Amino acid sequence: MYQTKGKIVNEVELLGSYNYKFLKNYSPFPSYLNWPFGLINFGIWEEIKNGKFDAVSLQSWANLTWWLAFFACLKFDTPILFMTDSNILSVSLKSKWKRKLKEILLSRFF
């Protein structure tokens, strides 16, 4: 309840002091919970390219939009603030091929 004086607020009240834009979601199954195609916002690339942001906050790897945003940030030298609720202990529970794939892909960027 950030800066809400202890009450629940709607998106207009919450975002009122920020510059923001909602991008069109082209997903046939719109929801950030529908992996991997719940969020398909192709406009994210141009927004990051033209936005000259101090940083971009990404919440997960769970959908196409966040992958597009990640690679756009790399391409246009925009810092990434990455937050997730995953923990390091859950990695050992994943299958070996998934761990190896993540290691190969992510080690190139980190």
PDB file of N, CA and C in Angstrom:
ATOM      1  N   MET A   1       0.842  -1.180   0.000  1.00  0.00           N
ATOM      2  CA  MET A   1       0.000   0.000   0.000  1.00  0.00           C
ATOM      3  C   MET A   1       0.887   1.244   0.000  1.00  0.00           C
ATOM      4  N   TYR A   2       1.727   1.311  -0.970  1.00  0.00           N
ATOM      5  CA  TYR A   2       2.683   2.400  -1.100  1.00  0.00           C
ATOM      6  C   TYR A   2       1.984   3.745  -1.249  1.00  0.00           C
ATOM      7  N   GLN A   3       2.289   4.639  -0.351  1.00  0.00           N
ATOM      8  CA  GLN A   3       1.760   6.009  -0.354  1.00  0.00           C
ATOM      9  C   GLN A   3       0.244   6.056  -0.527  1.00  0.00           C
ATOM     10  N   THR A   4      -0.456   5.145   0.128  1.00  0.00           N
ATOM     11  CA  THR A   4      -1.912   5.125  -0.005  1.00  0.00           C
ATOM     12  C   THR A   4      -2.613   5.501   1.295  1.00  0.00           C
ATOM     13  N   LYS A   5      -1.856   5.878   2.314  1.00  0.00           N
ATOM     14  CA  LYS A   5      -2.422   6.254   3.615  1.00  0.00           C
ATOM     15  C   LYS A   5      -3.280   5.130   4.184  1.00  0.00           C
ATOM     16  N   GLY A   6      -2.820   3.871   3.951  1.00  0.00           N
ATOM     17  CA  GLY A   6      -3.488   2.722   4.537  1.00  0.00           C
ATOM     18  C   GLY A   6      -4.774   2.300   3.868  1.00  0.00           C
ATOM     19  N   LYS A   7      -5.097   2.831   2.719  1.00  0.00           N
ATOM     20  CA  LYS A   7      -6.323   2.424   2.032  1.00  0.00           C
ATOM     21  C   LYS A   7      -5.989   1.863   0.655  1.00  0.00           C
ATOM     22  N   ILE A   8      -6.855   1.036   0.147  1.00  0.00           N
ATOM     23  CA  ILE A   8      -6.700   0.488  -1.195  1.00  0.00           C
ATOM     24  C   ILE A   8      -7.126   1.559  -2.190  1.00  0.00           C
ATOM     25  N   VAL A   9      -6.339   1.731  -3.243  1.00  0.00           N
ATOM     26  CA  VAL A   9      -6.647   2.765  -4.226  1.00  0.00           C
ATOM     27  C   VAL A   9      -6.787   2.133  -5.604  1.00  0.00           C
ATOM     28  N   ASN A  10      -7.451   2.837  -6.505  1.00  0.00           N
ATOM     29  CA  ASN A  10      -7.557   2.346  -7.875  1.00  0.00           C
ATOM     30  C   ASN A  10      -6.332   2.777  -8.673  1.00  0.00           C
ATOM     31  N   GLU A  11      -6.234   2.291  -9.916  1.00  0.00           N
ATOM     32  CA  GLU A  11      -5.028   2.557 -10.715  1.00  0.00           C
ATOM     33  C   GLU A  11      -4.812   4.039 -11.001  1.00  0.00           C
ATOM     34  N   VAL A  12      -5.870   4.812 -11.119  1.00  0.00           N
ATOM     35  CA  VAL A  12      -5.706   6.245 -11.385  1.00  0.00           C
ATOM     36  C   VAL A  12      -5.050   6.929 -10.190  1.00  0.00           C
ATOM     37  N   GLU A  13      -5.499   6.607  -9.000  1.00  0.00           N
ATOM     38  CA  GLU A  13      -4.899   7.192  -7.800  1.00  0.00           C
ATOM     39  C   GLU A  13      -3.464   6.713  -7.609  1.00  0.00           C
ATOM     40  N   LEU A  14      -3.223   5.437  -7.867  1.00  0.00           N
ATOM     41  CA  LEU A  14      -1.898   4.864  -7.668  1.00  0.00           C
ATOM     42  C   LEU A  14      -0.890   5.403  -8.677  1.00  0.00           C
ATOM     43  N   LEU A  15      -1.303   5.531  -9.938  1.00  0.00           N
ATOM     44  CA  LEU A  15      -0.389   5.958 -10.996  1.00  0.00           C
ATOM     45  C   LEU A  15      -0.406   7.463 -11.232  1.00  0.00           C
ATOM     46  N   GLY A  16      -1.249   8.177 -10.546  1.00  0.00           N
ATOM     47  CA  GLY A  16      -1.451   9.598 -10.804  1.00  0.00           C
ATOM     48  C   GLY A  16      -0.198  10.450 -10.799  1.00  0.00           C
ATOM     49  N   SER A  17       0.782  10.119  -9.984  1.00  0.00           N
ATOM     50  CA  SER A  17       1.986  10.949  -9.917  1.00  0.00           C
ATOM     51  C   SER A  17       3.105  10.433 -10.829  1.00  0.00           C
ATOM     52  N   TYR A  18       2.820   9.412 -11.628  1.00  0.00           N
ATOM     53  CA  TYR A  18       3.826   8.836 -12.525  1.00  0.00           C
ATOM     54  C   TYR A  18       3.432   9.070 -13.978  1.00  0.00           C
ATOM     55  N   ASN A  19       4.449   9.121 -14.833  1.00  0.00           N
ATOM     56  CA  ASN A  19       4.197   9.067 -16.272  1.00  0.00           C
ATOM     57  C   ASN A  19       4.043   7.589 -16.627  1.00  0.00           C
ATOM     58  N   TYR A  20       2.973   7.229 -17.276  1.00  0.00           N
ATOM     59  CA  TYR A  20       2.749   5.835 -17.627  1.00  0.00           C
ATOM     60  C   TYR A  20       1.965   5.737 -18.926  1.00  0.00           C
ATOM     61  N   LYS A  21       2.033   4.557 -19.512  1.00  0.00           N
ATOM     62  CA  LYS A  21       1.294   4.285 -20.740  1.00  0.00           C
ATOM     63  C   LYS A  21       0.932   2.798 -20.734  1.00  0.00           C
ATOM     64  N   PHE A  22      -0.304   2.486 -21.083  1.00  0.00           N
ATOM     65  CA  PHE A  22      -0.723   1.103 -21.232  1.00  0.00           C
ATOM     66  C   PHE A  22      -0.560   0.718 -22.695  1.00  0.00           C
ATOM     67  N   LEU A  23       0.148  -0.378 -22.938  1.00  0.00           N
ATOM     68  CA  LEU A  23       0.373  -0.850 -24.298  1.00  0.00           C
ATOM     69  C   LEU A  23      -0.673  -1.885 -24.677  1.00  0.00           C
ATOM     70  N   LYS A  24      -0.999  -1.939 -25.964  1.00  0.00           N
ATOM     71  CA  LYS A  24      -1.977  -2.910 -26.455  1.00  0.00           C
ATOM     72  C   LYS A  24      -1.427  -4.320 -26.284  1.00  0.00           C
ATOM     73  N   ASN A  25      -2.252  -5.185 -25.731  1.00  0.00           N
ATOM     74  CA  ASN A  25      -1.899  -6.591 -25.563  1.00  0.00           C
ATOM     75  C   ASN A  25      -2.520  -7.381 -26.710  1.00  0.00           C
ATOM     76  N   TYR A  26      -1.673  -8.017 -27.526  1.00  0.00           N
ATOM     77  CA  TYR A  26      -2.127  -8.768 -28.686  1.00  0.00           C
ATOM     78  C   TYR A  26      -2.369 -10.249 -28.374  1.00  0.00           C
ATOM     79  N   SER A  27      -2.312 -10.623 -27.127  1.00  0.00           N
ATOM     80  CA  SER A  27      -2.475 -12.014 -26.758  1.00  0.00           C
ATOM     81  C   SER A  27      -3.900 -12.507 -26.986  1.00  0.00           C
ATOM     82  N   PRO A  28      -4.032 -13.737 -27.517  1.00  0.00           N
ATOM     83  CA  PRO A  28      -5.373 -14.321 -27.617  1.00  0.00           C
ATOM     84  C   PRO A  28      -5.881 -14.794 -26.248  1.00  0.00           C
ATOM     85  N   PHE A  29      -4.982 -14.901 -25.267  1.00  0.00           N
ATOM     86  CA  PHE A  29      -5.317 -15.326 -23.901  1.00  0.00           C
ATOM     87  C   PHE A  29      -4.742 -14.315 -22.911  1.00  0.00           C
ATOM     88  N   PRO A  30      -5.242 -13.077 -22.892  1.00  0.00           N
ATOM     89  CA  PRO A  30      -4.607 -12.018 -22.111  1.00  0.00           C
ATOM     90  C   PRO A  30      -4.624 -12.248 -20.601  1.00  0.00           C
ATOM     91  N   SER A  31      -3.441 -12.328 -20.052  1.00  0.00           N
ATOM     92  CA  SER A  31      -3.226 -12.387 -18.610  1.00  0.00           C
ATOM     93  C   SER A  31      -1.737 -12.573 -18.395  1.00  0.00           C
ATOM     94  N   TYR A  32      -1.177 -11.848 -17.454  1.00  0.00           N
ATOM     95  CA  TYR A  32       0.242 -12.038 -17.195  1.00  0.00           C
ATOM     96  C   TYR A  32       0.506 -13.412 -16.589  1.00  0.00           C
ATOM     97  N   LEU A  33      -0.529 -14.122 -16.183  1.00  0.00           N
ATOM     98  CA  LEU A  33      -0.393 -15.458 -15.616  1.00  0.00           C
ATOM     99  C   LEU A  33      -0.352 -16.555 -16.678  1.00  0.00           C
ATOM    100  N   ASN A  34      -0.747 -16.257 -17.910  1.00  0.00           N
ATOM    101  CA  ASN A  34      -0.751 -17.257 -18.983  1.00  0.00           C
ATOM    102  C   ASN A  34       0.609 -17.301 -19.672  1.00  0.00           C
ATOM    103  N   TRP A  35       1.438 -18.237 -19.246  1.00  0.00           N
ATOM    104  CA  TRP A  35       2.782 -18.377 -19.794  1.00  0.00           C
ATOM    105  C   TRP A  35       2.699 -19.112 -21.114  1.00  0.00           C
ATOM    106  N   PRO A  36       3.497 -18.777 -22.085  1.00  0.00           N
ATOM    107  CA  PRO A  36       4.348 -17.593 -22.224  1.00  0.00           C
ATOM    108  C   PRO A  36       3.690 -16.476 -23.032  1.00  0.00           C
ATOM    109  N   PHE A  37       2.447 -16.685 -23.436  1.00  0.00           N
ATOM    110  CA  PHE A  37       1.837 -15.737 -24.373  1.00  0.00           C
ATOM    111  C   PHE A  37       0.681 -14.935 -23.787  1.00  0.00           C
ATOM    112  N   GLY A  38       0.649 -14.734 -22.485  1.00  0.00           N
ATOM    113  CA  GLY A  38      -0.409 -13.951 -21.859  1.00  0.00           C
ATOM    114  C   GLY A  38      -0.244 -12.460 -22.064  1.00  0.00           C
ATOM    115  N   LEU A  39       1.008 -12.015 -22.201  1.00  0.00           N
ATOM    116  CA  LEU A  39       1.301 -10.612 -22.510  1.00  0.00           C
ATOM    117  C   LEU A  39       2.134 -10.570 -23.783  1.00  0.00           C
ATOM    118  N   ILE A  40       1.554  -9.988 -24.802  1.00  0.00           N
ATOM    119  CA  ILE A  40       2.274  -9.809 -26.067  1.00  0.00           C
ATOM    120  C   ILE A  40       2.105  -8.341 -26.455  1.00  0.00           C
ATOM    121  N   ASN A  41       3.040  -7.541 -26.001  1.00  0.00           N
ATOM    122  CA  ASN A  41       3.011  -6.097 -26.252  1.00  0.00           C
ATOM    123  C   ASN A  41       4.192  -5.738 -27.144  1.00  0.00           C
ATOM    124  N   PHE A  42       3.985  -5.837 -28.465  1.00  0.00           N
ATOM    125  CA  PHE A  42       5.078  -5.580 -29.401  1.00  0.00           C
ATOM    126  C   PHE A  42       5.602  -4.151 -29.300  1.00  0.00           C
ATOM    127  N   GLY A  43       4.778  -3.228 -28.851  1.00  0.00           N
ATOM    128  CA  GLY A  43       5.184  -1.832 -28.729  1.00  0.00           C
ATOM    129  C   GLY A  43       6.241  -1.580 -27.674  1.00  0.00           C
ATOM    130  N   ILE A  44       6.533  -2.572 -26.842  1.00  0.00           N
ATOM    131  CA  ILE A  44       7.518  -2.382 -25.774  1.00  0.00           C
ATOM    132  C   ILE A  44       8.901  -2.062 -26.342  1.00  0.00           C
ATOM    133  N   TRP A  45       9.233  -2.643 -27.484  1.00  0.00           N
ATOM    134  CA  TRP A  45      10.543  -2.415 -28.108  1.00  0.00           C
ATOM    135  C   TRP A  45      10.723  -0.928 -28.429  1.00  0.00           C
ATOM    136  N   GLU A  46       9.743  -0.347 -29.115  1.00  0.00           N
ATOM    137  CA  GLU A  46       9.826   1.071 -29.494  1.00  0.00           C
ATOM    138  C   GLU A  46       9.767   1.983 -28.269  1.00  0.00           C
ATOM    139  N   GLU A  47       8.982   1.608 -27.276  1.00  0.00           N
ATOM    140  CA  GLU A  47       8.895   2.414 -26.056  1.00  0.00           C
ATOM    141  C   GLU A  47      10.259   2.498 -25.371  1.00  0.00           C
ATOM    142  N   ILE A  48      10.944   1.382 -25.287  1.00  0.00           N
ATOM    143  CA  ILE A  48      12.268   1.384 -24.651  1.00  0.00           C
ATOM    144  C   ILE A  48      13.279   2.086 -25.542  1.00  0.00           C
ATOM    145  N   LYS A  49      13.200   1.870 -26.833  1.00  0.00           N
ATOM    146  CA  LYS A  49      14.108   2.529 -27.773  1.00  0.00           C
ATOM    147  C   LYS A  49      13.991   4.053 -27.685  1.00  0.00           C
ATOM    148  N   ASN A  50      12.768   4.553 -27.665  1.00  0.00           N
ATOM    149  CA  ASN A  50      12.540   5.999 -27.706  1.00  0.00           C
ATOM    150  C   ASN A  50      12.396   6.651 -26.335  1.00  0.00           C
ATOM    151  N   GLY A  51      12.231   5.852 -25.302  1.00  0.00           N
ATOM    152  CA  GLY A  51      11.908   6.390 -23.984  1.00  0.00           C
ATOM    153  C   GLY A  51      13.046   7.028 -23.226  1.00  0.00           C
ATOM    154  N   LYS A  52      14.287   6.658 -23.505  1.00  0.00           N
ATOM    155  CA  LYS A  52      15.443   7.189 -22.779  1.00  0.00           C
ATOM    156  C   LYS A  52      15.222   7.069 -21.264  1.00  0.00           C
ATOM    157  N   PHE A  53      14.814   5.876 -20.819  1.00  0.00           N
ATOM    158  CA  PHE A  53      14.508   5.646 -19.415  1.00  0.00           C
ATOM    159  C   PHE A  53      15.782   5.520 -18.585  1.00  0.00           C
ATOM    160  N   ASP A  54      15.695   5.895 -17.324  1.00  0.00           N
ATOM    161  CA  ASP A  54      16.802   5.680 -16.392  1.00  0.00           C
ATOM    162  C   ASP A  54      17.009   4.191 -16.160  1.00  0.00           C
ATOM    163  N   ALA A  55      15.915   3.444 -16.123  1.00  0.00           N
ATOM    164  CA  ALA A  55      15.950   1.994 -15.942  1.00  0.00           C
ATOM    165  C   ALA A  55      14.569   1.443 -16.271  1.00  0.00           C
ATOM    166  N   VAL A  56      14.524   0.135 -16.513  1.00  0.00           N
ATOM    167  CA  VAL A  56      13.257  -0.564 -16.737  1.00  0.00           C
ATOM    168  C   VAL A  56      13.171  -1.665 -15.691  1.00  0.00           C
ATOM    169  N   SER A  57      12.037  -1.759 -15.031  1.00  0.00           N
ATOM    170  CA  SER A  57      11.804  -2.790 -14.022  1.00  0.00           C
ATOM    171  C   SER A  57      11.061  -3.954 -14.659  1.00  0.00           C
ATOM    172  N   LEU A  58      11.664  -5.128 -14.599  1.00  0.00           N
ATOM    173  CA  LEU A  58      11.045  -6.345 -15.122  1.00  0.00           C
ATOM    174  C   LEU A  58      10.703  -7.258 -13.957  1.00  0.00           C
ATOM    175  N   GLN A  59       9.536  -7.871 -14.018  1.00  0.00           N
ATOM    176  CA  GLN A  59       9.033  -8.653 -12.890  1.00  0.00           C
ATOM    177  C   GLN A  59       9.231 -10.152 -13.028  1.00  0.00           C
ATOM    178  N   SER A  60       9.598 -10.608 -14.206  1.00  0.00           N
ATOM    179  CA  SER A  60       9.678 -12.057 -14.411  1.00  0.00           C
ATOM    180  C   SER A  60      10.229 -12.349 -15.805  1.00  0.00           C
ATOM    181  N   TRP A  61      10.342 -13.629 -16.115  1.00  0.00           N
ATOM    182  CA  TRP A  61      10.663 -14.104 -17.460  1.00  0.00           C
ATOM    183  C   TRP A  61       9.437 -14.761 -18.070  1.00  0.00           C
ATOM    184  N   ALA A  62       8.282 -14.641 -17.447  1.00  0.00           N
ATOM    185  CA  ALA A  62       7.138 -15.503 -17.706  1.00  0.00           C
ATOM    186  C   ALA A  62       6.342 -15.202 -18.972  1.00  0.00           C
ATOM    187  N   ASN A  63       6.696 -14.181 -19.732  1.00  0.00           N
ATOM    188  CA  ASN A  63       5.913 -13.931 -20.940  1.00  0.00           C
ATOM    189  C   ASN A  63       6.756 -13.226 -21.996  1.00  0.00           C
ATOM    190  N   LEU A  64       6.236 -13.218 -23.186  1.00  0.00           N
ATOM    191  CA  LEU A  64       6.948 -12.669 -24.344  1.00  0.00           C
ATOM    192  C   LEU A  64       7.299 -11.187 -24.166  1.00  0.00           C
ATOM    193  N   THR A  65       6.406 -10.416 -23.593  1.00  0.00           N
ATOM    194  CA  THR A  65       6.666  -8.983 -23.424  1.00  0.00           C
ATOM    195  C   THR A  65       7.907  -8.738 -22.584  1.00  0.00           C
ATOM    196  N   TRP A  66       8.063  -9.475 -21.494  1.00  0.00           N
ATOM    197  CA  TRP A  66       9.227  -9.242 -20.640  1.00  0.00           C
ATOM    198  C   TRP A  66      10.515  -9.680 -21.325  1.00  0.00           C
ATOM    199  N   TRP A  67      10.462 -10.699 -22.186  1.00  0.00           N
ATOM    200  CA  TRP A  67      11.641 -11.069 -22.970  1.00  0.00           C
ATOM    201  C   TRP A  67      11.976  -9.975 -23.987  1.00  0.00           C
ATOM    202  N   LEU A  68      10.952  -9.450 -24.661  1.00  0.00           N
ATOM    203  CA  LEU A  68      11.183  -8.346 -25.605  1.00  0.00           C
ATOM    204  C   LEU A  68      11.782  -7.144 -24.887  1.00  0.00           C
ATOM    205  N   ALA A  69      11.254  -6.819 -23.732  1.00  0.00           N
ATOM    206  CA  ALA A  69      11.764  -5.693 -22.952  1.00  0.00           C
ATOM    207  C   ALA A  69      13.210  -5.933 -22.531  1.00  0.00           C
ATOM    208  N   PHE A  70      13.518  -7.141 -22.109  1.00  0.00           N
ATOM    209  CA  PHE A  70      14.880  -7.486 -21.699  1.00  0.00           C
ATOM    210  C   PHE A  70      15.873  -7.257 -22.837  1.00  0.00           C
ATOM    211  N   PHE A  71      15.548  -7.786 -24.017  1.00  0.00           N
ATOM    212  CA  PHE A  71      16.464  -7.645 -25.147  1.00  0.00           C
ATOM    213  C   PHE A  71      16.514  -6.206 -25.669  1.00  0.00           C
ATOM    214  N   ALA A  72      15.406  -5.486 -25.582  1.00  0.00           N
ATOM    215  CA  ALA A  72      15.417  -4.070 -25.964  1.00  0.00           C
ATOM    216  C   ALA A  72      16.320  -3.275 -25.026  1.00  0.00           C
ATOM    217  N   CYS A  73      16.263  -3.573 -23.738  1.00  0.00           N
ATOM    218  CA  CYS A  73      17.135  -2.887 -22.779  1.00  0.00           C
ATOM    219  C   CYS A  73      18.606  -3.159 -23.085  1.00  0.00           C
ATOM    220  N   LEU A  74      18.917  -4.400 -23.419  1.00  0.00           N
ATOM    221  CA  LEU A  74      20.298  -4.718 -23.792  1.00  0.00           C
ATOM    222  C   LEU A  74      20.707  -3.959 -25.046  1.00  0.00           C
ATOM    223  N   LYS A  75      19.849  -3.957 -26.047  1.00  0.00           N
ATOM    224  CA  LYS A  75      20.143  -3.301 -27.320  1.00  0.00           C
ATOM    225  C   LYS A  75      20.343  -1.802 -27.164  1.00  0.00           C
ATOM    226  N   PHE A  76      19.513  -1.162 -26.328  1.00  0.00           N
ATOM    227  CA  PHE A  76      19.535   0.294 -26.221  1.00  0.00           C
ATOM    228  C   PHE A  76      20.201   0.788 -24.936  1.00  0.00           C
ATOM    229  N   ASP A  77      21.016  -0.084 -24.318  1.00  0.00           N
ATOM    230  CA  ASP A  77      21.795   0.270 -23.129  1.00  0.00           C
ATOM    231  C   ASP A  77      20.955   0.891 -22.014  1.00  0.00           C
ATOM    232  N   THR A  78      19.812   0.295 -21.758  1.00  0.00           N
ATOM    233  CA  THR A  78      18.944   0.744 -20.687  1.00  0.00           C
ATOM    234  C   THR A  78      19.110  -0.198 -19.495  1.00  0.00           C
ATOM    235  N   PRO A  79      19.443   0.323 -18.321  1.00  0.00           N
ATOM    236  CA  PRO A  79      19.597  -0.546 -17.148  1.00  0.00           C
ATOM    237  C   PRO A  79      18.307  -1.300 -16.832  1.00  0.00           C
ATOM    238  N   ILE A  80      18.472  -2.522 -16.329  1.00  0.00           N
ATOM    239  CA  ILE A  80      17.337  -3.380 -15.984  1.00  0.00           C
ATOM    240  C   ILE A  80      17.325  -3.588 -14.479  1.00  0.00           C
ATOM    241  N   LEU A  81      16.164  -3.370 -13.869  1.00  0.00           N
ATOM    242  CA  LEU A  81      15.941  -3.716 -12.471  1.00  0.00           C
ATOM    243  C   LEU A  81      15.064  -4.958 -12.496  1.00  0.00           C
ATOM    244  N   PHE A  82      15.617  -6.082 -12.107  1.00  0.00           N
ATOM    245  CA  PHE A  82      14.901  -7.344 -12.227  1.00  0.00           C
ATOM    246  C   PHE A  82      14.421  -7.812 -10.869  1.00  0.00           C
ATOM    247  N   MET A  83      13.126  -8.107 -10.763  1.00  0.00           N
ATOM    248  CA  MET A  83      12.552  -8.584  -9.521  1.00  0.00           C
ATOM    249  C   MET A  83      11.733  -9.828  -9.813  1.00  0.00           C
ATOM    250  N   THR A  84      11.872 -10.822  -8.973  1.00  0.00           N
ATOM    251  CA  THR A  84      11.066 -12.026  -9.113  1.00  0.00           C
ATOM    252  C   THR A  84      10.852 -12.638  -7.741  1.00  0.00           C
ATOM    253  N   ASP A  85       9.862 -13.478  -7.630  1.00  0.00           N
ATOM    254  CA  ASP A  85       9.639 -14.156  -6.360  1.00  0.00           C
ATOM    255  C   ASP A  85      10.248 -15.557  -6.361  1.00  0.00           C
ATOM    256  N   SER A  86      11.005 -15.890  -7.397  1.00  0.00           N
ATOM    257  CA  SER A  86      11.705 -17.172  -7.430  1.00  0.00           C
ATOM    258  C   SER A  86      12.832 -17.152  -6.413  1.00  0.00           C
ATOM    259  N   ASN A  87      13.231 -18.322  -5.990  1.00  0.00           N
ATOM    260  CA  ASN A  87      14.376 -18.384  -5.096  1.00  0.00           C
ATOM    261  C   ASN A  87      15.362 -19.423  -5.587  1.00  0.00           C
ATOM    262  N   ILE A  88      16.577 -19.296  -5.136  1.00  0.00           N
ATOM    263  CA  ILE A  88      17.673 -20.130  -5.609  1.00  0.00           C
ATOM    264  C   ILE A  88      17.454 -21.605  -5.273  1.00  0.00           C
ATOM    265  N   LEU A  89      16.735 -21.889  -4.201  1.00  0.00           N
ATOM    266  CA  LEU A  89      16.502 -23.276  -3.822  1.00  0.00           C
ATOM    267  C   LEU A  89      15.597 -24.005  -4.802  1.00  0.00           C
ATOM    268  N   SER A  90      14.722 -23.280  -5.480  1.00  0.00           N
ATOM    269  CA  SER A  90      13.813 -23.928  -6.428  1.00  0.00           C
ATOM    270  C   SER A  90      14.540 -24.428  -7.674  1.00  0.00           C
ATOM    271  N   VAL A  91      15.722 -23.897  -7.951  1.00  0.00           N
ATOM    272  CA  VAL A  91      16.484 -24.310  -9.132  1.00  0.00           C
ATOM    273  C   VAL A  91      16.819 -25.795  -9.064  1.00  0.00           C
ATOM    274  N   SER A  92      17.163 -26.288  -7.893  1.00  0.00           N
ATOM    275  CA  SER A  92      17.547 -27.697  -7.763  1.00  0.00           C
ATOM    276  C   SER A  92      16.375 -28.637  -8.005  1.00  0.00           C
ATOM    277  N   LEU A  93      15.145 -28.122  -7.962  1.00  0.00           N
ATOM    278  CA  LEU A  93      13.967 -28.949  -8.193  1.00  0.00           C
ATOM    279  C   LEU A  93      13.604 -29.060  -9.668  1.00  0.00           C
ATOM    280  N   LYS A  94      14.202 -28.245 -10.504  1.00  0.00           N
ATOM    281  CA  LYS A  94      13.900 -28.238 -11.937  1.00  0.00           C
ATOM    282  C   LYS A  94      14.628 -29.389 -12.636  1.00  0.00           C
ATOM    283  N   SER A  95      14.146 -29.733 -13.812  1.00  0.00           N
ATOM    284  CA  SER A  95      14.803 -30.796 -14.569  1.00  0.00           C
ATOM    285  C   SER A  95      16.177 -30.331 -15.033  1.00  0.00           C
ATOM    286  N   LYS A  96      17.049 -31.291 -15.264  1.00  0.00           N
ATOM    287  CA  LYS A  96      18.432 -30.976 -15.630  1.00  0.00           C
ATOM    288  C   LYS A  96      18.509 -30.212 -16.952  1.00  0.00           C
ATOM    289  N   TRP A  97      17.688 -30.586 -17.934  1.00  0.00           N
ATOM    290  CA  TRP A  97      17.767 -29.911 -19.227  1.00  0.00           C
ATOM    291  C   TRP A  97      17.321 -28.467 -19.118  1.00  0.00           C
ATOM    292  N   LYS A  98      16.316 -28.153 -18.262  1.00  0.00           N
ATOM    293  CA  LYS A  98      15.884 -26.769 -18.075  1.00  0.00           C
ATOM    294  C   LYS A  98      16.976 -25.953 -17.385  1.00  0.00           C
ATOM    295  N   ARG A  99      17.617 -26.545 -16.393  1.00  0.00           N
ATOM    296  CA  ARG A  99      18.713 -25.841 -15.698  1.00  0.00           C
ATOM    297  C   ARG A  99      19.847 -25.541 -16.674  1.00  0.00           C
ATOM    298  N   LYS A 100      20.199 -26.514 -17.513  1.00  0.00           N
ATOM    299  CA  LYS A 100      21.293 -26.345 -18.468  1.00  0.00           C
ATOM    300  C   LYS A 100      20.946 -25.280 -19.507  1.00  0.00           C
ATOM    301  N   LEU A 101      19.717 -25.297 -19.997  1.00  0.00           N
ATOM    302  CA  LEU A 101      19.281 -24.302 -20.968  1.00  0.00           C
ATOM    303  C   LEU A 101      19.353 -22.890 -20.379  1.00  0.00           C
ATOM    304  N   LYS A 102      18.853 -22.712 -19.166  1.00  0.00           N
ATOM    305  CA  LYS A 102      18.931 -21.408 -18.513  1.00  0.00           C
ATOM    306  C   LYS A 102      20.386 -20.980 -18.311  1.00  0.00           C
ATOM    307  N   GLU A 103      21.219 -21.918 -17.908  1.00  0.00           N
ATOM    308  CA  GLU A 103      22.627 -21.615 -17.692  1.00  0.00           C
ATOM    309  C   GLU A 103      23.275 -21.118 -18.983  1.00  0.00           C
ATOM    310  N   ILE A 104      23.008 -21.799 -20.079  1.00  0.00           N
ATOM    311  CA  ILE A 104      23.592 -21.420 -21.375  1.00  0.00           C
ATOM    312  C   ILE A 104      23.072 -20.049 -21.828  1.00  0.00           C
ATOM    313  N   LEU A 105      21.752 -19.868 -21.791  1.00  0.00           N
ATOM    314  CA  LEU A 105      21.163 -18.631 -22.274  1.00  0.00           C
ATOM    315  C   LEU A 105      21.489 -17.424 -21.384  1.00  0.00           C
ATOM    316  N   LEU A 106      21.307 -17.587 -20.102  1.00  0.00           N
ATOM    317  CA  LEU A 106      21.457 -16.444 -19.197  1.00  0.00           C
ATOM    318  C   LEU A 106      22.912 -16.096 -18.915  1.00  0.00           C
ATOM    319  N   SER A 107      23.798 -17.069 -18.990  1.00  0.00           N
ATOM    320  CA  SER A 107      25.208 -16.771 -18.713  1.00  0.00           C
ATOM    321  C   SER A 107      25.819 -15.843 -19.748  1.00  0.00           C
ATOM    322  N   ARG A 108      25.209 -15.758 -20.920  1.00  0.00           N
ATOM    323  CA  ARG A 108      25.708 -14.851 -21.947  1.00  0.00           C
ATOM    324  C   ARG A 108      25.405 -13.389 -21.626  1.00  0.00           C
ATOM    325  N   PHE A 109      24.402 -13.170 -20.775  1.00  0.00           N
ATOM    326  CA  PHE A 109      23.966 -11.814 -20.471  1.00  0.00           C
ATOM    327  C   PHE A 109      24.371 -11.332 -19.080  1.00  0.00           C
ATOM    328  N   PHE A 110      24.669 -12.262 -18.175  1.00  0.00           N
ATOM    329  CA  PHE A 110      24.989 -11.875 -16.795  1.00  0.00           C
ATOM    330  C   PHE A 110      26.397 -12.258 -16.457  1.00  0.00           C
TER     331      PHE A 110
END
